């Protein structure tokens, strides 16, 4: 058994034989680890073979086949790649940015205001009155109940059902963006 120095690499013929014998099985294994992402799997396969090229001592190991060593290296590389991707923020392409409306665009705001006004008109008078007090005048549930002369539980119930009806009549607006805008106004749904 020979010891490898830092400058030794695997013979090209041995590496080609290794790829021929174990490459397809390793690629299938890596496809499973990458949830079918062929590009990532091929990148991991290539990196695994580079590791085999860099470590000729692995060929002299006590095992009959290089497959377990290759699969272990490939699995570790896949784990490292996943951890690395999770540690980085999500990358946004130019296409997504171009399709996303500018929140500062007054046209988008005006259209949203018109849509909400039309949707509010479809509500019953009781539901509309509760939403006006809570969202447009900024009153609490208790203050709204006093102003409208109804119990606090009724205010909560009417606001809940009114918001659900608005959500159905405003299908283009996401629920998360409307709840975020309500929170940013300093009024949370639980304080109503």
Protein backbone atom coordinates (compact mmCIF):
# COMPACT_ATOMS: atom_id res chain seq x y z
CA UNK A 1 0.00 0.00 0.00
CA UNK A 2 1.45 3.33 -1.06
CA UNK A 3 0.88 6.60 0.69
CA UNK A 4 -0.28 9.51 -1.43
CA UNK A 5 1.38 12.88 -1.26
CA UNK A 6 -0.48 16.15 -1.64
CA UNK A 7 0.47 16.38 -5.32
CA UNK A 8 -0.54 12.84 -6.34
CA UNK A 9 -3.77 12.35 -8.25
CA UNK A 10 -5.62 9.34 -9.56
CA UNK A 11 -4.56 7.94 -12.91
CA UNK A 12 -6.87 9.09 -15.72
CA UNK A 13 -7.60 5.54 -16.87
CA UNK A 14 -8.56 4.48 -13.36
CA UNK A 15 -10.81 7.50 -13.04
CA UNK A 16 -12.46 6.82 -16.42
CA UNK A 17 -13.07 3.20 -15.37
CA UNK A 18 -14.48 4.39 -12.06
CA UNK A 19 -16.89 6.72 -13.85
CA UNK A 20 -17.94 4.01 -16.31
CA UNK A 21 -18.52 1.42 -13.59
CA UNK A 22 -20.17 3.57 -10.92
CA UNK A 23 -21.22 6.84 -12.60
CA UNK A 24 -24.78 5.86 -13.63
CA UNK A 25 -25.62 4.38 -10.22
CA UNK A 26 -24.10 7.37 -8.44
CA UNK A 27 -26.04 9.79 -10.66
CA UNK A 28 -29.32 7.99 -9.86
CA UNK A 29 -28.48 8.13 -6.16
CA UNK A 30 -27.72 11.86 -6.38
CA UNK A 31 -30.91 12.51 -8.36
CA UNK A 32 -32.81 11.12 -5.39
CA UNK A 33 -30.92 13.36 -2.98
CA UNK A 34 -31.59 16.44 -5.13
CA UNK A 35 -35.29 15.61 -5.62
CA UNK A 36 -34.82 15.05 -9.34
CA UNK A 37 -32.78 18.19 -10.06
CA UNK A 38 -30.58 16.77 -12.81
CA UNK A 39 -28.26 19.79 -13.00
CA UNK A 40 -27.47 19.65 -9.30
CA UNK A 41 -27.06 15.88 -9.41
CA UNK A 42 -24.62 16.13 -12.31
CA UNK A 43 -22.67 18.86 -10.50
CA UNK A 44 -22.46 16.65 -7.42
CA UNK A 45 -21.39 13.67 -9.53
CA UNK A 46 -18.63 15.74 -11.08
CA UNK A 47 -17.47 17.01 -7.70
CA UNK A 48 -17.49 13.45 -6.31
CA UNK A 49 -15.27 12.31 -9.19
CA UNK A 50 -12.97 15.28 -8.60
CA UNK A 51 -12.61 14.10 -4.99
CA UNK A 52 -11.78 10.61 -6.23
CA UNK A 53 -9.18 12.13 -8.57
CA UNK A 54 -7.70 14.14 -5.67
CA UNK A 55 -7.56 11.14 -3.32
CA UNK A 56 -5.88 8.20 -5.02
CA UNK A 57 -5.41 6.57 -1.62
CA UNK A 58 -9.14 5.76 -1.64
CA UNK A 59 -8.44 3.22 -4.40
CA UNK A 60 -6.13 1.36 -2.04
CA UNK A 61 -8.75 1.09 0.70
CA UNK A 62 -9.72 -2.17 2.40
CA UNK A 63 -12.98 -2.52 0.46
CA UNK A 64 -13.74 -4.52 -2.68
CA UNK A 65 -15.59 -1.74 -4.47
CA UNK A 66 -15.24 2.04 -4.63
CA UNK A 67 -19.03 2.43 -4.71
CA UNK A 68 -19.55 2.84 -0.93
CA UNK A 69 -16.79 5.46 -0.80
CA UNK A 70 -18.27 7.32 -3.80
CA UNK A 71 -21.79 7.24 -2.38
CA UNK A 72 -20.58 8.51 0.99
CA UNK A 73 -18.65 11.37 -0.62
CA UNK A 74 -21.62 12.20 -2.90
CA UNK A 75 -24.07 12.18 0.02
CA UNK A 76 -21.83 14.45 2.10
CA UNK A 77 -21.41 16.84 -0.82
CA UNK A 78 -25.21 16.93 -1.30
CA UNK A 79 -25.72 17.69 2.39
CA UNK A 80 -23.10 20.44 2.30
CA UNK A 81 -24.65 21.94 -0.85
CA UNK A 82 -28.11 21.94 0.73
CA UNK A 83 -26.86 23.57 3.91
CA UNK A 84 -25.04 26.17 1.86
CA UNK A 85 -28.20 26.98 -0.15
CA UNK A 86 -30.29 27.27 3.01
CA UNK A 87 -27.76 29.62 4.60
CA UNK A 88 -27.96 32.06 1.68
CA UNK A 89 -30.93 34.35 1.08
CA UNK A 90 -33.28 33.41 -1.73
CA UNK A 91 -32.07 34.73 -5.07
CA UNK A 92 -34.57 36.80 -7.03
CA UNK A 93 -34.24 36.92 -10.79
CA UNK A 94 -34.83 40.02 -12.89
CA UNK A 95 -38.00 38.46 -14.32
CA UNK A 96 -39.64 38.31 -10.89
CA UNK A 97 -38.63 41.87 -10.13
CA UNK A 98 -40.02 43.10 -13.46
CA UNK A 99 -43.37 41.38 -12.83
CA UNK A 100 -43.69 42.62 -9.23
CA UNK A 101 -45.56 45.91 -8.90
CA UNK A 102 -43.71 48.74 -7.23
CA UNK A 103 -45.31 49.35 -3.80
CA UNK A 104 -44.54 53.05 -4.17
CA UNK A 105 -46.36 53.25 -7.52
CA UNK A 106 -49.39 55.54 -7.01
CA UNK A 107 -51.24 53.83 -9.85
CA UNK A 108 -51.12 50.45 -8.10
CA UNK A 109 -52.31 52.04 -4.84
CA UNK A 110 -55.16 53.83 -6.59
CA UNK A 111 -56.31 50.65 -8.28
CA UNK A 112 -56.19 48.78 -4.97
CA UNK A 113 -58.22 51.52 -3.26
CA UNK A 114 -60.86 51.38 -5.99
CA UNK A 115 -61.03 47.59 -5.77
CA UNK A 116 -61.45 47.68 -1.99
CA UNK A 117 -64.13 50.39 -2.20
CA UNK A 118 -66.12 48.33 -4.70
CA UNK A 119 -65.75 45.21 -2.56
CA UNK A 120 -66.87 47.06 0.59
CA UNK A 121 -70.02 48.20 -1.25
CA UNK A 122 -71.02 44.54 -1.66
CA UNK A 123 -71.12 44.01 2.13
CA UNK A 124 -74.27 44.29 4.21
CA UNK A 125 -74.82 47.58 6.07
CA UNK A 126 -74.02 45.92 9.43
CA UNK A 127 -70.73 44.43 8.22
CA UNK A 128 -69.74 47.65 6.47
CA UNK A 129 -70.42 49.73 9.59
CA UNK A 130 -68.14 47.55 11.71
CA UNK A 131 -65.30 47.69 9.17
CA UNK A 132 -65.60 51.46 8.82
CA UNK A 133 -65.28 51.91 12.58
CA UNK A 134 -62.38 49.49 13.00
CA UNK A 135 -60.33 50.01 9.84
CA UNK A 136 -61.14 53.50 8.64
CA UNK A 137 -61.63 55.25 11.98
CA UNK A 138 -59.15 53.08 13.90
CA UNK A 139 -61.46 52.26 16.81
CA UNK A 140 -60.95 49.25 19.05
CA UNK A 141 -63.55 46.48 19.39
CA UNK A 142 -64.77 48.01 22.64
CA UNK A 143 -65.06 51.52 21.11
CA UNK A 144 -66.82 50.16 18.02
CA UNK A 145 -69.31 48.27 20.19
CA UNK A 146 -70.10 51.47 22.10
CA UNK A 147 -70.37 53.57 18.92
CA UNK A 148 -72.71 51.11 17.19
CA UNK A 149 -74.62 50.06 20.32
CA UNK A 150 -73.93 46.35 19.89
CA UNK A 151 -72.07 43.77 22.01
CA UNK A 152 -68.30 43.33 21.55
CA UNK A 153 -68.80 39.71 20.47
CA UNK A 154 -71.05 40.90 17.66
CA UNK A 155 -68.39 43.38 16.55
CA UNK A 156 -65.80 40.59 16.42
CA UNK A 157 -68.14 38.25 14.57
CA UNK A 158 -69.21 40.86 12.01
CA UNK A 159 -65.64 41.97 11.35
CA UNK A 160 -64.55 38.34 10.90
CA UNK A 161 -67.31 37.55 8.39
CA UNK A 162 -66.93 40.90 6.63
CA UNK A 163 -63.20 40.29 6.11
CA UNK A 164 -63.90 36.80 4.79
CA UNK A 165 -66.44 38.21 2.33
CA UNK A 166 -63.92 40.84 1.22
CA UNK A 167 -61.31 38.15 0.73
CA UNK A 168 -63.66 36.25 -1.58
CA UNK A 169 -64.54 39.36 -3.57
CA UNK A 170 -60.87 40.44 -3.89
CA UNK A 171 -59.28 37.26 -5.32
CA UNK A 172 -56.23 39.04 -6.78
CA UNK A 173 -55.03 40.21 -3.38
CA UNK A 174 -53.15 37.79 -1.17
CA UNK A 175 -54.24 37.26 2.38
CA UNK A 176 -50.69 37.71 3.71
CA UNK A 177 -50.22 41.12 2.08
CA UNK A 178 -53.53 42.43 3.47
CA UNK A 179 -52.72 41.23 6.99
CA UNK A 180 -49.24 42.74 6.75
CA UNK A 181 -50.66 46.11 5.68
CA UNK A 182 -53.15 46.02 8.55
CA UNK A 183 -50.29 45.36 11.00
CA UNK A 184 -48.17 48.10 9.51
CA UNK A 185 -50.99 50.58 10.18
CA UNK A 186 -50.61 49.81 13.88
CA UNK A 187 -53.92 47.96 14.12
CA UNK A 188 -53.85 44.23 14.59
CA UNK A 189 -56.74 41.90 13.92
CA UNK A 190 -56.76 40.72 17.55
CA UNK A 191 -57.25 44.24 18.92
CA UNK A 192 -60.47 44.66 16.96
